């Protein structure tokens, strides 16, 4: 199944019976750094690393390890020249 969010991201999902406690996510939207005007390109390039340093989900990186202790969680996100994405 697929749905498109208000910001243009398309989200696909599919239920399976492989592992009852596993959730895999993947989302992307076309457009990326190539759509930024020259005056904001530098901010767009460095926004993600700065956001990662500030913390995900409003939680500082050093506290996030404590919050997720005992859980197997992996998330990745990125912005390329022509697309924005996240998966986990």
Protein backbone atom coordinates (compact mmCIF):
# COMPACT_ATOMS: atom_id res chain seq x y z
CA UNK A 1 0.00 0.00 0.00
CA UNK A 2 1.17 3.55 -0.58
CA UNK A 3 0.10 6.97 0.65
CA UNK A 4 1.34 10.49 0.02
CA UNK A 5 1.79 12.92 2.91
CA UNK A 6 0.92 16.61 2.69
CA UNK A 7 4.60 17.54 2.32
CA UNK A 8 4.97 15.37 -0.80
CA UNK A 9 6.55 12.33 0.86
CA UNK A 10 5.22 9.02 -0.42
CA UNK A 11 4.95 6.29 2.21
CA UNK A 12 4.61 2.64 1.25
CA UNK A 13 3.57 -0.06 3.70
CA UNK A 14 2.92 -3.77 3.57
CA UNK A 15 1.86 -6.18 6.29
CA UNK A 16 3.64 -9.54 6.41
CA UNK A 17 3.81 -12.48 8.79
CA UNK A 18 7.62 -12.81 8.71
CA UNK A 19 8.35 -11.45 12.20
CA UNK A 20 5.54 -10.38 14.50
CA UNK A 21 7.60 -7.76 16.32
CA UNK A 22 9.40 -6.23 13.33
CA UNK A 23 8.41 -2.96 11.69
CA UNK A 24 10.26 -1.77 8.58
CA UNK A 25 9.64 1.72 7.21
CA UNK A 26 10.80 3.49 4.08
CA UNK A 27 9.73 6.84 2.67
CA UNK A 28 10.99 9.25 0.03
CA UNK A 29 10.02 12.40 -1.81
CA UNK A 30 11.38 13.67 -5.08
CA UNK A 31 13.29 16.92 -4.91
CA UNK A 32 16.21 17.69 -2.72
CA UNK A 33 19.17 20.01 -2.73
CA UNK A 34 18.72 20.75 -6.43
CA UNK A 35 15.48 22.59 -5.63
CA UNK A 36 17.12 24.97 -3.16
CA UNK A 37 17.91 28.52 -4.26
CA UNK A 38 21.63 29.34 -4.17
CA UNK A 39 21.23 31.61 -1.12
CA UNK A 40 19.87 28.75 1.05
CA UNK A 41 21.91 25.85 -0.37
CA UNK A 42 24.51 26.00 2.41
CA UNK A 43 21.79 25.86 5.09
CA UNK A 44 20.14 22.92 3.32
CA UNK A 45 23.43 20.97 3.12
CA UNK A 46 24.29 21.43 6.79
CA UNK A 47 20.77 21.22 8.24
CA UNK A 48 20.77 17.44 8.67
CA UNK A 49 24.12 17.14 10.50
CA UNK A 50 23.12 19.98 12.81
CA UNK A 51 19.74 18.39 13.49
CA UNK A 52 21.42 15.06 14.32
CA UNK A 53 23.69 16.79 16.82
CA UNK A 54 20.69 18.50 18.43
CA UNK A 55 18.95 15.13 18.86
CA UNK A 56 16.24 13.01 17.29
CA UNK A 57 12.64 13.18 18.50
CA UNK A 58 13.58 16.01 20.86
CA UNK A 59 15.99 13.78 22.79
CA UNK A 60 19.70 14.58 23.05
CA UNK A 61 21.97 11.92 21.46
CA UNK A 62 23.50 10.93 24.82
CA UNK A 63 20.02 10.37 26.32
CA UNK A 64 18.65 8.55 23.26
CA UNK A 65 20.91 5.56 23.98
CA UNK A 66 19.37 5.26 27.45
CA UNK A 67 15.82 5.57 26.11
CA UNK A 68 16.42 2.83 23.52
CA UNK A 69 18.35 0.48 25.84
CA UNK A 70 17.32 -3.12 25.22
CA UNK A 71 15.58 -2.31 21.94
CA UNK A 72 16.80 -2.92 18.41
CA UNK A 73 16.13 0.29 16.47
CA UNK A 74 17.81 1.61 13.35
CA UNK A 75 16.85 4.74 11.43
CA UNK A 76 18.52 6.48 8.53
CA UNK A 77 17.58 9.65 6.75
CA UNK A 78 19.12 11.77 4.06
CA UNK A 79 18.87 14.41 1.43
CA UNK A 80 20.55 13.99 -1.95
CA UNK A 81 20.56 16.23 -4.98
CA UNK A 82 17.20 14.91 -6.20
CA UNK A 83 15.43 13.22 -3.29
CA UNK A 84 14.65 13.24 0.45
CA UNK A 85 14.23 9.94 2.30
CA UNK A 86 14.13 8.02 5.55
CA UNK A 87 14.01 4.34 6.40
CA UNK A 88 14.26 2.11 9.42
